């Protein structure tokens, strides 16, 4: 079976990709691309430089030997599971030997290598991820994943409960893919299996869950998915928060930090600990929340001054959280877009020159003057502000 989009895909036609295929018997179809890059090409969701996963009949040692002989850099990133990462120019390919799970504890699997493509496909999570592509663009669909992908159906391969028992993280992946590729429609067998597994996921690492959650929070549409996760007890989301998430989405928002701020509110630190989130994401979420509180008090200038571009997301957060009227939001957005905030004109040396002693008094006076300056709409200059100093 061939799909035209695969045969003309930039990532597949690239000389580096073809060179990797050639080194690994791609012409004999012993090595094929698999998973997301194949699926998203068919769905015309191509990215400029996508991650390329490949499956191969070759054992890892042979993959490395052949690649090195062809001048391709090799990195043994997951030899226990048969995975070698290859790099040629700017092209990265993660190559994994065909395998099947022989043992699993819901987190780690013991695998056996083989040459059976159907068995390899059968150990994957969802049918739309079990699509393979040869070097010439020929599609291999051993489990009916093409129809599911084209119909936006996210369906577990085989028995959903068994797939989840093999890796509990698939519960979170079910919801992520249902949001990204399923139009937020949920396969009932999969949803039921996820609901049954909710209380058996304590063994999952917080980092892995956090990675899935952050990817979900950056999707164009995810509010209904998050609400569904809450409905089965996978997340704790109050009804007011669920409505705010939907309003934010309807405003066109899809920033992970803003959604995190809506979800966690003042408990962002708890969310960071629960999901092992990055410091940068948490910092942005916290700043967005503070900016939203300032904007909710109609202090637009102060939000722009203190938070810069973050104030734009703060505005969306405040509007979604507090259910602003469209006219209110439009006016605040107009004012924020037109506002030009000059730098604060007073420095510590200016205060010392008029007799303020070095030390904590400088910081106290600067904070007071900054407050006066903000309240003036940034109109007072240095000379006028210095007249407000009490020495």
Protein backbone atom coordinates (compact mmCIF):
# COMPACT_ATOMS: atom_id res chain seq x y z
CA UNK A 1 0.00 0.00 0.00
CA UNK A 2 1.31 3.48 -0.83
CA UNK A 3 0.22 6.90 0.35
CA UNK A 4 1.25 9.82 -1.85
CA UNK A 5 2.09 12.09 1.07
CA UNK A 6 4.72 9.66 2.27
CA UNK A 7 6.45 9.37 -1.09
CA UNK A 8 6.89 13.14 -1.34
CA UNK A 9 7.65 13.89 2.32
CA UNK A 10 10.68 16.14 2.81
CA UNK A 11 12.00 14.14 5.76
CA UNK A 12 11.92 10.90 3.75
CA UNK A 13 13.42 12.32 0.55
CA UNK A 14 16.25 13.99 2.46
CA UNK A 15 19.65 12.51 1.43
CA UNK A 16 20.62 11.93 5.07
CA UNK A 17 17.48 9.89 5.74
CA UNK A 18 18.03 7.85 2.60
CA UNK A 19 21.66 7.26 3.57
CA UNK A 20 20.56 5.85 6.94
CA UNK A 21 18.04 3.59 5.21
CA UNK A 22 20.70 2.44 2.75
CA UNK A 23 23.12 1.54 5.53
CA UNK A 24 20.46 -0.59 7.25
CA UNK A 25 19.10 -2.58 4.31
CA UNK A 26 16.27 -0.16 3.73
CA UNK A 27 16.11 -1.18 0.08
CA UNK A 28 15.23 -4.71 1.27
CA UNK A 29 12.74 -3.16 3.70
CA UNK A 30 14.52 -4.63 6.69
CA UNK A 31 14.45 -1.13 8.20
CA UNK A 32 11.37 1.10 8.11
CA UNK A 33 10.26 4.38 9.64
CA UNK A 34 7.55 3.95 12.23
CA UNK A 35 5.15 5.81 14.45
CA UNK A 36 4.60 9.53 14.70
CA UNK A 37 6.55 10.69 11.67
CA UNK A 38 4.63 8.26 9.45
CA UNK A 39 1.26 8.98 11.03
CA UNK A 40 1.61 12.75 10.92
CA UNK A 41 2.87 12.75 7.35
CA UNK A 42 -0.24 10.88 6.24
CA UNK A 43 -2.37 13.36 8.20
CA UNK A 44 -0.47 16.27 6.61
CA UNK A 45 0.88 17.44 9.96
CA UNK A 46 4.44 17.59 8.78
CA UNK A 47 7.02 19.51 10.80
CA UNK A 48 10.18 21.11 9.44
CA UNK A 49 12.59 18.65 11.09
CA UNK A 50 10.56 15.87 12.72
CA UNK A 51 11.89 13.18 15.00
CA UNK A 52 12.40 9.99 12.98
CA UNK A 53 11.84 6.63 14.63
CA UNK A 54 12.86 3.53 12.75
CA UNK A 55 12.27 -0.17 13.32
CA UNK A 56 14.72 -2.74 12.01
CA UNK A 57 15.29 -6.47 11.75
CA UNK A 58 18.99 -5.86 12.43
CA UNK A 59 20.38 -6.38 15.93
CA UNK A 60 21.76 -3.29 17.71
CA UNK A 61 25.42 -4.28 17.27
CA UNK A 62 24.92 -4.64 13.54
CA UNK A 63 23.06 -1.31 13.36
CA UNK A 64 26.05 0.41 14.99
CA UNK A 65 28.62 -1.39 12.86
CA UNK A 66 26.84 -0.64 9.59
CA UNK A 67 26.19 2.98 10.54
CA UNK A 68 29.80 3.60 11.57
CA UNK A 69 31.04 2.02 8.33
CA UNK A 70 28.83 4.48 6.43
CA UNK A 71 30.17 7.48 8.38
CA UNK A 72 27.02 7.90 10.46
CA UNK A 73 27.49 8.87 14.11
CA UNK A 74 26.11 6.30 16.55
CA UNK A 75 24.92 6.68 20.14
CA UNK A 76 23.87 3.58 22.15
CA UNK A 77 21.00 5.37 23.89
CA UNK A 78 18.97 2.29 24.85
CA UNK A 79 20.79 -0.91 24.07
CA UNK A 80 18.87 -2.93 26.66
CA UNK A 81 15.74 -2.27 24.64
CA UNK A 82 17.46 -2.46 21.27
CA UNK A 83 17.67 1.28 20.58
CA UNK A 84 20.52 3.11 18.87
CA UNK A 85 20.39 6.79 17.92
CA UNK A 86 22.00 7.73 14.60
CA UNK A 87 22.99 11.22 13.51
CA UNK A 88 23.93 12.32 10.01
CA UNK A 89 24.16 16.06 9.47
CA UNK A 90 21.14 17.53 11.21
CA UNK A 91 19.08 14.35 10.85
CA UNK A 92 18.50 12.22 13.94
CA UNK A 93 16.99 8.75 13.74
CA UNK A 94 16.21 6.52 16.71
CA UNK A 95 16.55 2.96 15.45
CA UNK A 96 15.06 0.09 17.47
CA UNK A 97 15.32 -3.61 16.70
CA UNK A 98 11.99 -5.42 16.24
CA UNK A 99 10.94 -6.84 19.58
CA UNK A 100 8.22 -8.19 21.76
CA UNK A 101 7.77 -7.89 25.54
CA UNK A 102 8.43 -11.11 27.43
CA UNK A 103 7.97 -9.66 30.93
CA UNK A 104 6.64 -6.36 32.26
CA UNK A 105 5.87 -4.83 35.65
CA UNK A 106 3.81 -1.94 34.30
CA UNK A 107 6.86 0.26 34.03
CA UNK A 108 9.83 -1.71 32.71
CA UNK A 109 9.75 -4.47 30.11
CA UNK A 110 12.06 -7.36 29.30
CA UNK A 111 12.18 -7.68 25.53
CA UNK A 112 13.15 -10.33 23.00
CA UNK A 113 14.46 -9.27 19.61
CA UNK A 114 13.05 -10.75 16.45
CA UNK A 115 12.13 -10.22 12.80
CA UNK A 116 8.33 -10.37 13.00
CA UNK A 117 6.79 -7.03 12.05
CA UNK A 118 3.30 -7.96 13.24
CA UNK A 119 4.58 -8.93 16.70
CA UNK A 120 6.49 -5.66 16.87
CA UNK A 121 3.37 -3.72 15.93
CA UNK A 122 1.28 -5.64 18.46
CA UNK A 123 3.41 -4.48 21.40
CA UNK A 124 2.83 -0.80 20.65
CA UNK A 125 0.18 1.35 22.30
CA UNK A 126 -2.36 2.59 19.72
CA UNK A 127 -3.19 1.41 16.23
CA UNK A 128 -2.42 4.83 14.70
CA UNK A 129 1.12 4.54 16.06
CA UNK A 130 1.70 1.11 14.46
CA UNK A 131 2.23 2.42 10.92
CA UNK A 132 5.48 1.69 9.09
CA UNK A 133 7.02 3.27 6.02
CA UNK A 134 9.74 1.90 3.75
CA UNK A 135 12.48 4.02 2.20
CA UNK A 136 10.47 4.42 -1.02
CA UNK A 137 7.33 5.61 0.76
CA UNK A 138 5.48 2.29 0.80
CA UNK A 139 3.15 2.10 3.79
CA UNK A 140 2.79 -1.00 5.97
CA UNK A 141 -0.30 -1.16 8.15
CA UNK A 142 -0.42 -4.52 9.95
CA UNK A 143 -3.15 -3.62 12.45
CA UNK A 144 -5.57 -1.30 10.65
CA UNK A 145 -4.06 1.88 12.03
CA UNK A 146 -4.49 3.85 8.81
CA UNK A 147 -8.28 3.86 9.00
CA UNK A 148 -8.13 4.84 12.66
CA UNK A 149 -5.69 7.68 11.97
CA UNK A 150 -7.77 9.03 9.09
CA UNK A 151 -10.94 8.73 11.20
CA UNK A 152 -9.38 10.39 14.28
CA UNK A 153 -9.83 7.26 16.39
CA UNK A 154 -7.36 6.65 19.20
CA UNK A 155 -7.72 2.94 19.87
CA UNK A 156 -5.55 0.67 21.97
CA UNK A 157 -3.98 -2.27 20.17
CA UNK A 158 -5.70 -5.45 21.27
CA UNK A 159 -6.95 -5.46 24.85
CA UNK A 160 -6.74 -1.99 26.37
CA UNK A 161 -6.32 -3.30 29.91
CA UNK A 162 -3.39 -5.44 28.86
CA UNK A 163 -1.70 -2.54 27.09
CA UNK A 164 -2.09 -0.41 30.25
CA UNK A 165 -0.82 -3.23 32.46
CA UNK A 166 2.35 -3.29 30.34
CA UNK A 167 2.91 0.44 30.85
CA UNK A 168 0.66 2.56 33.05
CA UNK A 169 1.83 5.75 31.35
CA UNK A 170 -0.38 4.73 28.44
CA UNK A 171 -3.32 6.06 30.43
CA UNK A 172 -1.91 9.58 30.09
CA UNK A 173 -0.90 8.94 26.49
CA UNK A 174 -4.46 7.83 25.69
CA UNK A 175 -5.74 11.21 26.77
CA UNK A 176 -2.93 13.14 25.08
CA UNK A 177 -3.47 11.44 21.74
CA UNK A 178 -7.25 11.70 22.10
CA UNK A 179 -6.74 15.46 22.39
CA UNK A 180 -4.09 15.81 19.67
CA UNK A 181 -5.33 13.23 17.15
CA UNK A 182 -8.79 12.18 18.28
CA UNK A 183 -10.72 15.44 18.27
CA UNK A 184 -11.30 14.96 22.02
CA UNK A 185 -13.53 11.98 21.30
CA UNK A 186 -12.73 9.03 23.53
CA UNK A 187 -12.82 5.38 22.52
CA UNK A 188 -15.14 3.84 25.10
CA UNK A 189 -13.15 0.66 25.60
CA UNK A 190 -10.01 2.70 26.14
CA UNK A 191 -11.72 5.17 28.45
CA UNK A 192 -13.19 2.37 30.55
CA UNK A 193 -9.80 0.69 30.87
CA UNK A 194 -8.19 3.98 31.89
CA UNK A 195 -10.85 4.55 34.53
CA UNK A 196 -10.23 1.09 35.97
CA UNK A 197 -6.47 1.76 36.11
CA UNK A 198 -6.59 5.14 37.89
CA UNK A 199 -5.85 3.68 41.32
CA UNK A 200 -3.01 1.48 40.08
CA UNK A 201 -0.63 4.14 38.74
CA UNK A 202 1.37 5.02 41.85
CA UNK A 203 4.43 3.29 40.42
CA UNK A 204 4.78 5.82 37.59
CA UNK A 205 7.54 8.37 37.94
CA UNK A 206 6.46 11.94 38.47
CA UNK A 207 8.78 13.08 35.70
CA UNK A 208 7.11 10.85 33.09
CA UNK A 209 3.65 11.99 34.12
CA UNK A 210 4.81 15.61 34.09
CA UNK A 211 6.21 15.26 30.58
CA UNK A 212 2.86 13.96 29.33
CA UNK A 213 0.95 16.70 31.14
CA UNK A 214 3.11 19.50 29.76
CA UNK A 215 2.67 18.16 26.23
CA UNK A 216 -1.09 18.09 26.79
CA UNK A 217 -1.14 21.62 28.17
CA UNK A 218 0.42 22.91 24.95
CA UNK A 219 -2.19 21.43 22.59
CA UNK A 220 -4.68 23.66 20.75
CA UNK A 221 -7.65 21.88 22.34
CA UNK A 222 -7.43 20.06 25.65
CA UNK A 223 -10.04 21.52 28.03
CA UNK A 224 -12.57 18.75 27.42
CA UNK A 225 -9.81 16.16 27.77
CA UNK A 226 -8.70 17.53 31.13
CA UNK A 227 -12.31 17.55 32.31
CA UNK A 228 -12.69 13.93 31.22
CA UNK A 229 -9.51 13.00 33.10
CA UNK A 230 -11.00 14.67 36.16
CA UNK A 231 -14.23 12.76 35.61
CA UNK A 232 -12.47 9.42 36.11
CA UNK A 233 -10.39 10.68 39.03
CA UNK A 234 -7.06 10.97 37.20
CA UNK A 235 -6.90 14.71 37.94
CA UNK A 236 -8.53 16.93 40.55
CA UNK A 237 -10.17 19.89 38.81
CA UNK A 238 -12.92 22.02 40.29
CA UNK A 239 -15.85 22.84 38.03
CA UNK A 240 -14.99 26.56 38.02
CA UNK A 241 -11.45 25.75 36.85
CA UNK A 242 -12.72 23.44 34.12
CA UNK A 243 -14.95 26.24 32.82
CA UNK A 244 -12.07 28.71 32.96
CA UNK A 245 -9.86 26.32 30.96
CA UNK A 246 -12.54 26.08 28.29
CA UNK A 247 -12.97 29.88 28.17
CA UNK A 248 -9.20 30.29 27.82
CA UNK A 249 -9.21 27.84 24.94
CA UNK A 250 -12.09 29.66 23.24
CA UNK A 251 -10.00 32.83 23.43
CA UNK A 252 -7.39 31.03 21.35
CA UNK A 253 -4.99 30.39 24.19
CA UNK A 254 -2.75 27.34 24.31
CA UNK A 255 0.23 28.33 26.47
CA UNK A 256 1.25 25.52 28.85
CA UNK A 257 2.25 28.00 31.57
CA UNK A 258 -1.12 29.76 31.48
CA UNK A 259 -3.03 26.49 31.61
CA UNK A 260 -0.82 25.40 34.50
CA UNK A 261 -1.61 28.64 36.32
CA UNK A 262 -5.33 28.07 35.77
CA UNK A 263 -5.11 24.48 36.96
CA UNK A 264 -2.96 25.07 40.01
CA UNK A 265 -3.87 28.61 41.04
CA UNK A 266 -1.86 29.58 44.09
CA UNK A 267 -0.65 25.98 44.48
CA UNK A 268 1.81 26.05 41.59
CA UNK A 269 4.60 24.82 43.86
CA UNK A 270 2.52 21.75 44.68
CA UNK A 271 2.07 21.07 40.96
CA UNK A 272 5.81 21.42 40.42
CA UNK A 273 6.51 18.84 43.12
CA UNK A 274 3.78 16.50 41.89
CA UNK A 275 4.90 16.51 38.25
CA UNK A 276 8.58 17.51 38.55
CA UNK A 277 8.02 20.48 36.27
CA UNK A 278 10.83 22.65 34.92
CA UNK A 279 11.75 25.78 36.81
CA UNK A 280 11.22 27.95 33.73
CA UNK A 281 7.67 26.70 33.20
CA UNK A 282 6.76 27.22 36.85
CA UNK A 283 8.36 30.67 36.89
CA UNK A 284 6.34 31.73 33.84
CA UNK A 285 3.13 30.28 35.28
CA UNK A 286 3.66 32.13 38.53
CA UNK A 287 4.39 35.42 36.74
CA UNK A 288 1.30 34.96 34.55
CA UNK A 289 -0.84 34.43 37.63
CA UNK A 290 0.53 37.55 39.32
CA UNK A 291 0.01 39.58 36.14
CA UNK A 292 -3.58 38.32 35.95
CA UNK A 293 -4.26 39.46 39.51
CA UNK A 294 -2.87 42.92 38.72
CA UNK A 295 -4.95 43.15 35.55
CA UNK A 296 -8.06 42.01 37.41
CA UNK A 297 -7.60 45.11 39.58
CA UNK A 298 -7.51 47.25 36.40
CA UNK A 299 -3.83 48.15 36.93
CA UNK A 300 -2.93 47.61 33.30
CA UNK A 301 0.12 49.84 33.30
CA UNK A 302 1.61 48.11 36.30
CA UNK A 303 1.10 44.69 34.70
CA UNK A 304 2.85 45.83 31.54
CA UNK A 305 5.71 47.40 33.51
CA UNK A 306 6.32 44.49 35.85
CA UNK A 307 5.65 41.57 33.51
CA UNK A 308 6.20 42.71 29.92
CA UNK A 309 5.00 40.20 27.33
CA UNK A 310 3.76 37.88 30.09
CA UNK A 311 1.03 40.46 30.72
CA UNK A 312 -0.64 39.40 27.46
CA UNK A 313 -1.12 35.87 28.78
CA UNK A 314 -2.02 37.34 32.15
CA UNK A 315 -4.84 39.20 30.46
CA UNK A 316 -6.14 35.99 28.87
CA UNK A 317 -5.88 34.20 32.20
CA UNK A 318 -7.78 36.93 34.06
CA UNK A 319 -10.50 37.06 31.40
CA UNK A 320 -10.94 33.28 31.42
CA UNK A 321 -10.77 32.85 35.18
CA UNK A 322 -13.08 35.75 36.04
CA UNK A 323 -15.38 35.37 33.00
CA UNK A 324 -14.92 38.89 31.66
CA UNK A 325 -17.44 40.37 29.32
CA UNK A 326 -16.09 40.56 25.73
CA UNK A 327 -16.23 44.37 25.77
CA UNK A 328 -14.17 44.50 28.97
CA UNK A 329 -11.54 42.20 27.53
CA UNK A 330 -11.41 44.09 24.23
CA UNK A 331 -10.88 47.42 25.99
CA UNK A 332 -8.18 46.05 28.29
CA UNK A 333 -6.42 44.41 25.33
CA UNK A 334 -6.56 47.70 23.39
CA UNK A 335 -5.05 49.63 26.29
CA UNK A 336 -2.35 47.04 26.85
CA UNK A 337 -1.36 46.96 23.19
CA UNK A 338 -1.01 50.74 23.00
CA UNK A 339 0.87 51.18 26.25
CA UNK A 340 4.53 52.13 26.03
CA UNK A 341 6.23 51.93 29.42
CA UNK A 342 9.44 53.98 29.82
CA UNK A 343 12.19 52.80 32.16
CA UNK A 344 11.86 53.82 35.81
CA UNK A 345 13.82 57.11 35.95
CA UNK A 346 15.26 56.97 39.49
CA UNK A 347 18.27 54.95 40.59
CA UNK A 348 19.87 54.36 43.95
CA UNK A 349 22.68 56.84 43.24
CA UNK A 350 20.10 59.58 42.68
CA UNK A 351 18.80 59.03 46.21
CA UNK A 352 22.26 59.02 47.77
CA UNK A 353 23.05 62.30 46.04
CA UNK A 354 20.18 63.98 47.90
CA UNK A 355 21.16 62.52 51.26
CA UNK A 356 19.45 59.12 51.56
CA UNK A 357 21.94 56.89 53.45
CA UNK A 358 23.15 53.68 51.83
CA UNK A 359 21.47 50.48 52.96
CA UNK A 360 17.88 49.30 53.33
CA UNK A 361 16.53 52.87 53.17
CA UNK A 362 17.50 53.06 49.50
CA UNK A 363 15.38 50.03 48.61
CA UNK A 364 12.43 51.27 50.67
CA UNK A 365 12.50 54.71 49.04
CA UNK A 366 12.88 53.26 45.53
CA UNK A 367 9.86 51.01 46.06
CA UNK A 368 7.77 53.95 47.29
CA UNK A 369 8.81 56.13 44.35
CA UNK A 370 8.14 53.33 41.90
CA UNK A 371 4.62 52.98 43.30
CA UNK A 372 4.04 56.74 42.91
CA UNK A 373 5.42 56.64 39.37
CA UNK A 374 3.19 53.72 38.35
CA UNK A 375 0.11 55.39 39.85
CA UNK A 376 0.89 58.55 37.87
CA UNK A 377 0.64 56.57 34.65
CA UNK A 378 4.43 56.81 34.22
CA UNK A 379 4.18 60.58 33.71
CA UNK A 380 6.41 61.81 36.54
CA UNK A 381 10.06 62.34 35.70
CA UNK A 382 13.10 62.02 37.93
CA UNK A 383 13.03 65.57 39.24
CA UNK A 384 9.36 65.36 40.22
CA UNK A 385 9.83 62.01 41.90
CA UNK A 386 12.83 63.15 43.93
CA UNK A 387 10.69 65.89 45.47
CA UNK A 388 8.65 63.06 47.06
CA UNK A 389 11.65 61.72 48.98
CA UNK A 390 11.78 62.38 52.71
CA UNK A 391 15.42 62.49 53.87
